Amino acid sequence: MTVIFYIFIFGLIIGSFLNAVIYRLEAKKSVCRGRSFCPECKHILAWYDLIPLLSFIFLGGKCRYCHQEISIQYPLVELATGLLFVLIFPLVGGSRPMAGQFSIFNLSYGFYIISILIVIFVYDLKYYIIPDKIILPAIIVSSLWSLSAGNYLKIENWKLPAQGWSALGGEIIDVNSLLAAFGASAFFLSLIIISKGRWMGFGDVKLAFLMGLILSFPNILVALFTAFISGAIIGAGLILFKKKDLKSQIPFGPFLAGGTIFSLFFGEIIINWYLNILL
């Protein structure tokens, strides 16, 4: 429990940093230089104004200096990062360690991927764009990781359930993450070509490539299915409640990022459950 607590606190701190990244990317400011300040009054914030979650609560959700309301995004991103760091720890550093043993590199990569997906989720939701400064380095890092260390969160080669095992001669299904990345991105590129850019943006193509690198096959299928289903439900709800119309633009990046996170934790379970029913 002590380790989990420290991981949660670390996640809260990283979440606070991710909020700064999201703001500074859009404002075209350096992510690494300069002290934090209030977006409204530009007052430099003291250390006690920057305590994750607690400062927001103690300040009543308002800036100490100009009393403008602080966006709910800030505590939500901090909390989500903390919780997701805790949840991903067993996959790469706890009871299901990658490659059979704990590695600080595996854990660091897991935290990095979660952080990237959170930034993409929030940034695309707010600004309707997936920034190259985030997605391209993530693709490079994940490509190198896939080539050098095997597929992320792939503890062992994915196997069919027992009842389908003998039918395939006991073969192990193992599709390289690079092939999954190219397949997913080619699918989205075809949607752009067919719709002439009305359905998807090229940022979604790059994100789909990253998803393939992270998830490999068949978990990429769970992520895409989750993204399209959740996107359709949310889109229909927004239209039903007249928040959007059929011509409105709805960013798809948040659904893809959310589907990726969902598949990281539940993809294998869902695939095996489906094959148990099918076979």
C-alpha atoms as a PDB file:
ATOM      1  CA  MET A   1       0.000   0.000   0.000  1.00  0.00           C
ATOM      2  CA  THR A   2       2.894   2.345   0.709  1.00  0.00           C
ATOM      3  CA  VAL A   3       4.218   1.949  -2.834  1.00  0.00           C
ATOM      4  CA  ILE A   4       0.759   2.543  -4.303  1.00  0.00           C
ATOM      5  CA  PHE A   5       0.390   5.713  -2.232  1.00  0.00           C
ATOM      6  CA  TYR A   6       3.706   7.104  -3.483  1.00  0.00           C
ATOM      7  CA  ILE A   7       2.805   6.234  -7.056  1.00  0.00           C
ATOM      8  CA  PHE A   8      -0.506   8.064  -6.661  1.00  0.00           C
ATOM      9  CA  ILE A   9       1.252  11.156  -5.280  1.00  0.00           C
ATOM     10  CA  PHE A  10       3.773  10.988  -8.115  1.00  0.00           C
ATOM     11  CA  GLY A  11       0.885  10.752 -10.584  1.00  0.00           C
ATOM     12  CA  LEU A  12      -0.737  13.848  -9.082  1.00  0.00           C
ATOM     13  CA  ILE A  13       2.523  15.775  -9.530  1.00  0.00           C
ATOM     14  CA  ILE A  14       2.884  14.614 -13.133  1.00  0.00           C
ATOM     15  CA  GLY A  15      -0.766  15.509 -13.733  1.00  0.00           C
ATOM     16  CA  SER A  16      -0.036  19.052 -12.567  1.00  0.00           C
ATOM     17  CA  PHE A  17       2.846  19.182 -15.033  1.00  0.00           C
ATOM     18  CA  LEU A  18       0.599  17.874 -17.827  1.00  0.00           C
ATOM     19  CA  ASN A  19      -1.814  20.740 -17.204  1.00  0.00           C
ATOM     20  CA  ALA A  20       1.081  23.152 -17.709  1.00  0.00           C
ATOM     21  CA  VAL A  21       2.072  21.318 -20.905  1.00  0.00           C
ATOM     22  CA  ILE A  22      -1.470  21.583 -22.303  1.00  0.00           C
ATOM     23  CA  TYR A  23      -1.687  25.315 -21.570  1.00  0.00           C
ATOM     24  CA  ARG A  24       1.808  26.205 -22.763  1.00  0.00           C
ATOM     25  CA  LEU A  25       1.577  24.221 -25.985  1.00  0.00           C
ATOM     26  CA  GLU A  26      -1.512  26.154 -27.034  1.00  0.00           C
ATOM     27  CA  ALA A  27       0.016  29.455 -25.882  1.00  0.00           C
ATOM     28  CA  LYS A  28       3.255  28.583 -27.727  1.00  0.00           C
ATOM     29  CA  LYS A  29       5.310  28.996 -24.579  1.00  0.00           C
ATOM     30  CA  SER A  30       8.265  26.927 -23.403  1.00  0.00           C
ATOM     31  CA  VAL A  31       7.199  23.889 -21.409  1.00  0.00           C
ATOM     32  CA  CYS A  32      10.487  23.674 -19.521  1.00  0.00           C
ATOM     33  CA  ARG A  33      11.208  27.317 -18.704  1.00  0.00           C
ATOM     34  CA  GLY A  34       9.391  29.924 -16.661  1.00  0.00           C
ATOM     35  CA  ARG A  35       7.389  29.710 -13.453  1.00  0.00           C
ATOM     36  CA  SER A  36       3.721  28.814 -13.314  1.00  0.00           C
ATOM     37  CA  PHE A  37       1.235  31.677 -13.373  1.00  0.00           C
ATOM     38  CA  CYS A  38      -2.497  32.289 -13.373  1.00  0.00           C
ATOM     39  CA  PRO A  39      -3.835  32.199 -16.958  1.00  0.00           C
ATOM     40  CA  GLU A  40      -6.200  35.078 -16.152  1.00  0.00           C
ATOM     41  CA  CYS A  41      -4.221  37.654 -14.165  1.00  0.00           C
ATOM     42  CA  LYS A  42      -0.719  36.302 -15.034  1.00  0.00           C
ATOM     43  CA  HIS A  43       0.341  36.498 -11.377  1.00  0.00           C
ATOM     44  CA  ILE A  44       3.254  34.197 -10.555  1.00  0.00           C
ATOM     45  CA  LEU A  45       1.974  31.357  -8.374  1.00  0.00           C
ATOM     46  CA  ALA A  46       3.611  30.442  -5.072  1.00  0.00           C
ATOM     47  CA  TRP A  47       4.479  26.829  -4.252  1.00  0.00           C
ATOM     48  CA  TYR A  48       1.448  26.534  -1.979  1.00  0.00           C
ATOM     49  CA  ASP A  49      -0.781  27.479  -4.911  1.00  0.00           C
ATOM     50  CA  LEU A  50       0.503  24.493  -6.876  1.00  0.00           C
ATOM     51  CA  ILE A  51      -0.118  21.553  -4.553  1.00  0.00           C
ATOM     52  CA  PRO A  52      -2.024  19.038  -6.718  1.00  0.00           C
ATOM     53  CA  LEU A  53      -5.708  18.708  -5.808  1.00  0.00           C
ATOM     54  CA  LEU A  54      -5.275  20.293  -2.373  1.00  0.00           C
ATOM     55  CA  SER A  55      -4.614  23.845  -3.609  1.00  0.00           C
ATOM     56  CA  PHE A  56      -7.758  23.701  -5.760  1.00  0.00           C
ATOM     57  CA  ILE A  57      -9.803  22.540  -2.760  1.00  0.00           C
ATOM     58  CA  PHE A  58      -8.349  25.029  -0.252  1.00  0.00           C
ATOM     59  CA  LEU A  59      -8.731  27.928  -2.692  1.00  0.00           C
ATOM     60  CA  GLY A  60     -12.339  27.017  -3.378  1.00  0.00           C
ATOM     61  CA  GLY A  61     -11.581  26.583  -7.074  1.00  0.00           C
ATOM     62  CA  LYS A  62     -10.553  30.238  -7.481  1.00  0.00           C
ATOM     63  CA  CYS A  63      -7.279  32.078  -8.051  1.00  0.00           C
ATOM     64  CA  ARG A  64      -5.837  33.465  -4.817  1.00  0.00           C
ATOM     65  CA  TYR A  65      -4.973  36.770  -6.519  1.00  0.00           C
ATOM     66  CA  CYS A  66      -7.699  37.641  -9.045  1.00  0.00           C
ATOM     67  CA  HIS A  67     -10.428  35.340  -7.677  1.00  0.00           C
ATOM     68  CA  GLN A  68     -11.287  34.044 -11.132  1.00  0.00           C
ATOM     69  CA  GLU A  69     -12.535  30.464 -11.217  1.00  0.00           C
ATOM     70  CA  ILE A  70      -9.915  27.808 -11.920  1.00  0.00           C
ATOM     71  CA  SER A  71     -10.893  25.368 -14.668  1.00  0.00           C
ATOM     72  CA  ILE A  72     -12.093  22.001 -13.393  1.00  0.00           C
ATOM     73  CA  GLN A  73      -9.669  20.551 -15.931  1.00  0.00           C
ATOM     74  CA  TYR A  74      -6.769  21.035 -13.518  1.00  0.00           C
ATOM     75  CA  PRO A  75      -7.897  18.820 -10.621  1.00  0.00           C
ATOM     76  CA  LEU A  76      -9.476  16.289 -12.995  1.00  0.00           C
ATOM     77  CA  VAL A  77      -6.248  15.819 -14.976  1.00  0.00           C
ATOM     78  CA  GLU A  78      -4.248  15.519 -11.746  1.00  0.00           C
ATOM     79  CA  LEU A  79      -6.649  12.961 -10.299  1.00  0.00           C
ATOM     80  CA  ALA A  80      -6.896  10.964 -13.532  1.00  0.00           C
ATOM     81  CA  THR A  81      -3.118  10.810 -13.856  1.00  0.00           C
ATOM     82  CA  GLY A  82      -2.700   9.649 -10.265  1.00  0.00           C
ATOM     83  CA  LEU A  83      -5.329   6.931 -10.625  1.00  0.00           C
ATOM     84  CA  LEU A  84      -4.069   5.693 -13.991  1.00  0.00           C
ATOM     85  CA  PHE A  85      -0.487   5.531 -12.711  1.00  0.00           C
ATOM     86  CA  VAL A  86      -1.725   3.363  -9.849  1.00  0.00           C
ATOM     87  CA  LEU A  87      -3.704   1.127 -12.222  1.00  0.00           C
ATOM     88  CA  ILE A  88      -0.873   0.643 -14.693  1.00  0.00           C
ATOM     89  CA  PHE A  89       1.704  -0.210 -12.048  1.00  0.00           C
ATOM     90  CA  PRO A  90       0.613  -3.886 -11.697  1.00  0.00           C
ATOM     91  CA  LEU A  91       0.946  -4.327 -15.469  1.00  0.00           C
ATOM     92  CA  VAL A  92       4.581  -3.281 -15.633  1.00  0.00           C
ATOM     93  CA  GLY A  93       5.882  -3.297 -12.098  1.00  0.00           C
ATOM     94  CA  GLY A  94       3.703  -5.440  -9.900  1.00  0.00           C
ATOM     95  CA  SER A  95       2.058  -8.806 -10.212  1.00  0.00           C
ATOM     96  CA  ARG A  96       2.316  -8.883 -14.026  1.00  0.00           C
ATOM     97  CA  PRO A  97       5.766  -7.451 -14.731  1.00  0.00           C
ATOM     98  CA  MET A  98       6.782  -6.988 -18.318  1.00  0.00           C
ATOM     99  CA  ALA A  99       9.253  -9.589 -19.606  1.00  0.00           C
ATOM    100  CA  GLY A 100       8.855 -11.468 -16.326  1.00  0.00           C
ATOM    101  CA  GLN A 101      10.600  -9.050 -13.975  1.00  0.00           C
ATOM    102  CA  PHE A 102      10.359  -5.509 -12.732  1.00  0.00           C
ATOM    103  CA  SER A 103      12.184  -2.841 -14.699  1.00  0.00           C
ATOM    104  CA  ILE A 104      12.273   0.881 -14.033  1.00  0.00           C
ATOM    105  CA  PHE A 105      12.402   1.373 -17.798  1.00  0.00           C
ATOM    106  CA  ASN A 106       9.160  -0.552 -18.281  1.00  0.00           C
ATOM    107  CA  LEU A 107       7.498   1.443 -15.545  1.00  0.00           C
ATOM    108  CA  SER A 108       8.792   4.748 -16.927  1.00  0.00           C
ATOM    109  CA  TYR A 109       7.526   3.873 -20.388  1.00  0.00           C
ATOM    110  CA  GLY A 110       4.120   2.984 -18.955  1.00  0.00           C
ATOM    111  CA  PHE A 111       3.893   6.314 -17.151  1.00  0.00           C
ATOM    112  CA  TYR A 112       5.047   8.117 -20.307  1.00  0.00           C
ATOM    113  CA  ILE A 113       2.359   6.509 -22.469  1.00  0.00           C
ATOM    114  CA  ILE A 114      -0.394   7.287 -19.969  1.00  0.00           C
ATOM    115  CA  SER A 115       0.799  10.912 -19.792  1.00  0.00           C
ATOM    116  CA  ILE A 116       0.850  11.263 -23.584  1.00  0.00           C
ATOM    117  CA  LEU A 117      -2.666   9.856 -23.922  1.00  0.00           C
ATOM    118  CA  ILE A 118      -3.995  12.230 -21.248  1.00  0.00           C
ATOM    119  CA  VAL A 119      -2.462  15.264 -22.989  1.00  0.00           C
ATOM    120  CA  ILE A 120      -3.898  14.163 -26.356  1.00  0.00           C
ATOM    121  CA  PHE A 121      -7.320  13.557 -24.801  1.00  0.00           C
ATOM    122  CA  VAL A 122      -7.559  16.996 -23.195  1.00  0.00           C
ATOM    123  CA  TYR A 123      -5.775  19.002 -25.901  1.00  0.00           C
ATOM    124  CA  ASP A 124      -7.866  17.642 -28.776  1.00  0.00           C
ATOM    125  CA  LEU A 125     -11.036  18.028 -26.739  1.00  0.00           C
ATOM    126  CA  LYS A 126     -10.268  21.705 -26.091  1.00  0.00           C
ATOM    127  CA  TYR A 127      -8.517  22.813 -29.274  1.00  0.00           C
ATOM    128  CA  TYR A 128      -9.594  20.256 -31.918  1.00  0.00           C
ATOM    129  CA  ILE A 129      -6.043  19.332 -32.841  1.00  0.00           C
ATOM    130  CA  ILE A 130      -3.453  16.725 -31.881  1.00  0.00           C
ATOM    131  CA  PRO A 131      -0.128  18.606 -31.621  1.00  0.00           C
ATOM    132  CA  ASP A 132       2.845  17.186 -33.516  1.00  0.00           C
ATOM    133  CA  LYS A 133       5.090  18.190 -30.601  1.00  0.00           C
ATOM    134  CA  ILE A 134       3.336  15.499 -28.576  1.00  0.00           C
ATOM    135  CA  ILE A 135       2.427  12.785 -31.066  1.00  0.00           C
ATOM    136  CA  LEU A 136       5.632  12.611 -33.122  1.00  0.00           C
ATOM    137  CA  PRO A 137       8.059  12.127 -30.180  1.00  0.00           C
ATOM    138  CA  ALA A 138       5.653   9.523 -28.776  1.00  0.00           C
ATOM    139  CA  ILE A 139       5.716   7.628 -32.084  1.00  0.00           C
ATOM    140  CA  ILE A 140       9.517   7.692 -32.140  1.00  0.00           C
ATOM    141  CA  VAL A 141       9.800   6.519 -28.522  1.00  0.00           C
ATOM    142  CA  SER A 142       7.206   3.769 -29.008  1.00  0.00           C
ATOM    143  CA  SER A 143       8.801   2.606 -32.275  1.00  0.00           C
ATOM    144  CA  LEU A 144      12.180   2.273 -30.614  1.00  0.00           C
ATOM    145  CA  TRP A 145      10.581   0.551 -27.646  1.00  0.00           C
ATOM    146  CA  SER A 146       8.700  -1.885 -29.873  1.00  0.00           C
ATOM    147  CA  LEU A 147      11.848  -2.745 -31.815  1.00  0.00           C
ATOM    148  CA  SER A 148      14.098  -3.131 -28.789  1.00  0.00           C
ATOM    149  CA  ALA A 149      11.929  -4.435 -25.972  1.00  0.00           C
ATOM    150  CA  GLY A 150       8.950  -6.133 -27.583  1.00  0.00           C
ATOM    151  CA  ASN A 151       5.353  -4.986 -27.615  1.00  0.00           C
ATOM    152  CA  TYR A 152       4.240  -2.813 -24.738  1.00  0.00           C
ATOM    153  CA  LEU A 153       2.324  -4.616 -21.989  1.00  0.00           C
ATOM    154  CA  LYS A 154       2.812  -7.863 -23.886  1.00  0.00           C
ATOM    155  CA  ILE A 155       3.795 -10.138 -21.050  1.00  0.00           C
ATOM    156  CA  GLU A 156       3.827 -13.146 -23.348  1.00  0.00           C
ATOM    157  CA  ASN A 157       2.593 -13.945 -26.823  1.00  0.00           C
ATOM    158  CA  TRP A 158      -1.178 -13.746 -26.911  1.00  0.00           C
ATOM    159  CA  LYS A 159      -2.835 -17.193 -27.079  1.00  0.00           C
ATOM    160  CA  LEU A 160      -6.268 -18.400 -28.036  1.00  0.00           C
ATOM    161  CA  PRO A 161      -8.451 -19.904 -25.304  1.00  0.00           C
ATOM    162  CA  ALA A 162      -8.048 -23.625 -24.686  1.00  0.00           C
ATOM    163  CA  GLN A 163     -11.037 -24.702 -26.796  1.00  0.00           C
ATOM    164  CA  GLY A 164      -9.644 -22.944 -29.863  1.00  0.00           C
ATOM    165  CA  TRP A 165      -6.088 -23.987 -29.259  1.00  0.00           C
ATOM    166  CA  SER A 166      -5.956 -27.401 -30.910  1.00  0.00           C
ATOM    167  CA  ALA A 167      -7.917 -26.183 -33.936  1.00  0.00           C
ATOM    168  CA  LEU A 168      -4.980 -23.976 -34.902  1.00  0.00           C
ATOM    169  CA  GLY A 169      -2.410 -26.615 -34.143  1.00  0.00           C
ATOM    170  CA  GLY A 170      -1.350 -24.879 -30.935  1.00  0.00           C
ATOM    171  CA  GLU A 171       0.093 -21.930 -32.838  1.00  0.00           C
ATOM    172  CA  ILE A 172       0.625 -18.652 -31.050  1.00  0.00           C
ATOM    173  CA  ILE A 173      -0.936 -15.548 -32.561  1.00  0.00           C
ATOM    174  CA  ASP A 174       1.736 -12.856 -32.622  1.00  0.00           C
ATOM    175  CA  VAL A 175       1.390  -9.861 -34.901  1.00  0.00           C
ATOM    176  CA  ASN A 176       4.162  -7.284 -34.719  1.00  0.00           C
ATOM    177  CA  SER A 177       3.117  -3.923 -33.300  1.00  0.00           C
ATOM    178  CA  LEU A 178       4.540  -2.143 -36.333  1.00  0.00           C
ATOM    179  CA  LEU A 179       2.144  -4.039 -38.590  1.00  0.00           C
ATOM    180  CA  ALA A 180      -0.733  -3.120 -36.271  1.00  0.00           C
ATOM    181  CA  ALA A 181       0.398   0.515 -36.411  1.00  0.00           C
ATOM    182  CA  PHE A 182       0.546   0.615 -40.207  1.00  0.00           C
ATOM    183  CA  GLY A 183      -2.771  -1.220 -40.501  1.00  0.00           C
ATOM    184  CA  ALA A 184      -4.613   1.132 -38.130  1.00  0.00           C
ATOM    185  CA  SER A 185      -3.177   4.276 -39.717  1.00  0.00           C
ATOM    186  CA  ALA A 186      -3.940   2.989 -43.239  1.00  0.00           C
ATOM    187  CA  PHE A 187      -7.556   2.449 -42.174  1.00  0.00           C
ATOM    188  CA  PHE A 188      -7.888   6.039 -40.966  1.00  0.00           C
ATOM    189  CA  LEU A 189      -6.093   7.372 -44.032  1.00  0.00           C
ATOM    190  CA  SER A 190      -8.621   5.572 -46.221  1.00  0.00           C
ATOM    191  CA  LEU A 191     -11.444   7.278 -44.285  1.00  0.00           C
ATOM    192  CA  ILE A 192      -9.837  10.659 -44.960  1.00  0.00           C
ATOM    193  CA  ILE A 193      -9.539   9.896 -48.663  1.00  0.00           C
ATOM    194  CA  ILE A 194     -13.112   8.604 -48.956  1.00  0.00           C
ATOM    195  CA  SER A 195     -14.607  11.535 -47.043  1.00  0.00           C
ATOM    196  CA  LYS A 196     -12.188  14.097 -48.511  1.00  0.00           C
ATOM    197  CA  GLY A 197     -11.161  15.100 -45.005  1.00  0.00           C
ATOM    198  CA  ARG A 198     -14.691  15.574 -43.620  1.00  0.00           C
ATOM    199  CA  TRP A 199     -14.706  12.584 -41.266  1.00  0.00           C
ATOM    200  CA  MET A 200     -11.183  12.529 -39.899  1.00  0.00           C
ATOM    201  CA  GLY A 201      -8.071  14.671 -39.610  1.00  0.00           C
ATOM    202  CA  PHE A 202      -4.513  13.603 -40.305  1.00  0.00           C
ATOM    203  CA  GLY A 203      -3.798  13.860 -36.588  1.00  0.00           C
ATOM    204  CA  ASP A 204      -6.088  10.847 -36.140  1.00  0.00           C
ATOM    205  CA  VAL A 205      -3.943   8.898 -38.623  1.00  0.00           C
ATOM    206  CA  LYS A 206      -0.817   9.608 -36.569  1.00  0.00           C
ATOM    207  CA  LEU A 207      -2.640   8.747 -33.350  1.00  0.00           C
ATOM    208  CA  ALA A 208      -3.847   5.452 -34.853  1.00  0.00           C
ATOM    209  CA  PHE A 209      -0.224   4.628 -35.724  1.00  0.00           C
ATOM    210  CA  LEU A 210       0.783   5.295 -32.116  1.00  0.00           C
ATOM    211  CA  MET A 211      -2.092   3.144 -30.875  1.00  0.00           C
ATOM    212  CA  GLY A 212      -0.873   0.217 -32.953  1.00  0.00           C
ATOM    213  CA  LEU A 213       2.627   0.569 -31.525  1.00  0.00           C
ATOM    214  CA  ILE A 214       1.302   0.662 -27.969  1.00  0.00           C
ATOM    215  CA  LEU A 215      -1.325  -2.061 -28.179  1.00  0.00           C
ATOM    216  CA  SER A 216      -0.309  -4.364 -31.032  1.00  0.00           C
ATOM    217  CA  PHE A 217      -2.800  -6.947 -32.295  1.00  0.00           C
ATOM    218  CA  PRO A 218      -5.495  -7.847 -31.292  1.00  0.00           C
ATOM    219  CA  ASN A 219      -5.868  -5.193 -28.560  1.00  0.00           C
ATOM    220  CA  ILE A 220      -5.848  -2.473 -31.220  1.00  0.00           C
ATOM    221  CA  LEU A 221      -9.213  -3.840 -32.396  1.00  0.00           C
ATOM    222  CA  VAL A 222     -10.714  -3.370 -28.933  1.00  0.00           C
ATOM    223  CA  ALA A 223      -9.417   0.204 -28.786  1.00  0.00           C
ATOM    224  CA  LEU A 224     -10.820   1.118 -32.214  1.00  0.00           C
ATOM    225  CA  PHE A 225     -14.163  -0.545 -31.521  1.00  0.00           C
ATOM    226  CA  THR A 226     -14.416   1.258 -28.172  1.00  0.00           C
ATOM    227  CA  ALA A 227     -13.515   4.592 -29.777  1.00  0.00           C
ATOM    228  CA  PHE A 228     -16.096   4.320 -32.570  1.00  0.00           C
ATOM    229  CA  ILE A 229     -18.903   3.072 -30.316  1.00  0.00           C
ATOM    230  CA  SER A 230     -18.296   5.689 -27.602  1.00  0.00           C
ATOM    231  CA  GLY A 231     -17.897   8.393 -30.239  1.00  0.00           C
ATOM    232  CA  ALA A 232     -21.201   7.441 -31.855  1.00  0.00           C
ATOM    233  CA  ILE A 233     -23.032   7.390 -28.507  1.00  0.00           C
ATOM    234  CA  ILE A 234     -21.634  10.736 -27.339  1.00  0.00           C
ATOM    235  CA  GLY A 235     -22.199  12.309 -30.763  1.00  0.00           C
ATOM    236  CA  ALA A 236     -25.802  11.107 -30.881  1.00  0.00           C
ATOM    237  CA  GLY A 237     -26.361  12.404 -27.341  1.00  0.00           C
ATOM    238  CA  LEU A 238     -24.997  15.851 -28.210  1.00  0.00           C
ATOM    239  CA  ILE A 239     -27.242  16.045 -31.255  1.00  0.00           C
ATOM    240  CA  LEU A 240     -30.236  14.778 -29.294  1.00  0.00           C
ATOM    241  CA  PHE A 241     -29.788  17.464 -26.654  1.00  0.00           C
ATOM    242  CA  LYS A 242     -29.100  20.069 -29.366  1.00  0.00           C
ATOM    243  CA  LYS A 243     -25.547  20.766 -28.216  1.00  0.00           C
ATOM    244  CA  LYS A 244     -24.317  19.889 -31.714  1.00  0.00           C
ATOM    245  CA  ASP A 245     -25.863  19.369 -35.137  1.00  0.00           C
ATOM    246  CA  LEU A 246     -24.968  17.024 -37.996  1.00  0.00           C
ATOM    247  CA  LYS A 247     -22.538  19.585 -39.428  1.00  0.00           C
ATOM    248  CA  SER A 248     -20.741  20.227 -36.132  1.00  0.00           C
ATOM    249  CA  GLN A 249     -17.147  19.149 -35.681  1.00  0.00           C
ATOM    250  CA  ILE A 250     -16.510  16.652 -32.887  1.00  0.00           C
ATOM    251  CA  PRO A 251     -12.875  15.772 -32.104  1.00  0.00           C
ATOM    252  CA  PHE A 252     -12.200  12.054 -32.376  1.00  0.00           C
ATOM    253  CA  GLY A 253      -8.817  12.108 -30.634  1.00  0.00           C
ATOM    254  CA  PRO A 254     -10.319  11.901 -27.114  1.00  0.00           C
ATOM    255  CA  PHE A 255     -12.232   8.764 -28.075  1.00  0.00           C
ATOM    256  CA  LEU A 256      -9.127   7.174 -29.587  1.00  0.00           C
ATOM    257  CA  ALA A 257      -7.021   8.053 -26.544  1.00  0.00           C
ATOM    258  CA  GLY A 258      -9.756   6.814 -24.211  1.00  0.00           C
ATOM    259  CA  GLY A 259     -10.136   3.614 -26.230  1.00  0.00           C
ATOM    260  CA  THR A 260      -6.389   3.036 -25.993  1.00  0.00           C
ATOM    261  CA  ILE A 261      -6.396   3.412 -22.219  1.00  0.00           C
ATOM    262  CA  PHE A 262      -9.420   1.116 -21.960  1.00  0.00           C
ATOM    263  CA  SER A 263      -7.746  -1.522 -24.114  1.00  0.00           C
ATOM    264  CA  LEU A 264      -4.527  -1.353 -22.101  1.00  0.00           C
ATOM    265  CA  PHE A 265      -6.409  -2.592 -19.060  1.00  0.00           C
ATOM    266  CA  PHE A 266      -9.251  -4.654 -20.513  1.00  0.00           C
ATOM    267  CA  GLY A 267      -8.331  -5.508 -24.116  1.00  0.00           C
ATOM    268  CA  GLU A 268      -7.007  -8.992 -23.453  1.00  0.00           C
ATOM    269  CA  ILE A 269      -9.951  -9.844 -21.196  1.00  0.00           C
ATOM    270  CA  ILE A 270     -12.496  -8.737 -23.811  1.00  0.00           C
ATOM    271  CA  ILE A 271     -10.748 -10.543 -26.677  1.00  0.00           C
ATOM    272  CA  ASN A 272     -10.564 -13.804 -24.727  1.00  0.00           C
ATOM    273  CA  TRP A 273     -14.183 -13.443 -23.608  1.00  0.00           C
ATOM    274  CA  TYR A 274     -15.292 -12.917 -27.213  1.00  0.00           C
ATOM    275  CA  LEU A 275     -13.302 -15.901 -28.481  1.00  0.00           C
ATOM    276  CA  ASN A 276     -14.686 -18.091 -25.717  1.00  0.00           C
ATOM    277  CA  ILE A 277     -18.186 -17.306 -26.983  1.00  0.00           C
ATOM    278  CA  LEU A 278     -17.209 -17.599 -30.655  1.00  0.00           C
ATOM    279  CA  LEU A 279     -15.286 -20.850 -30.327  1.00  0.00           C
END
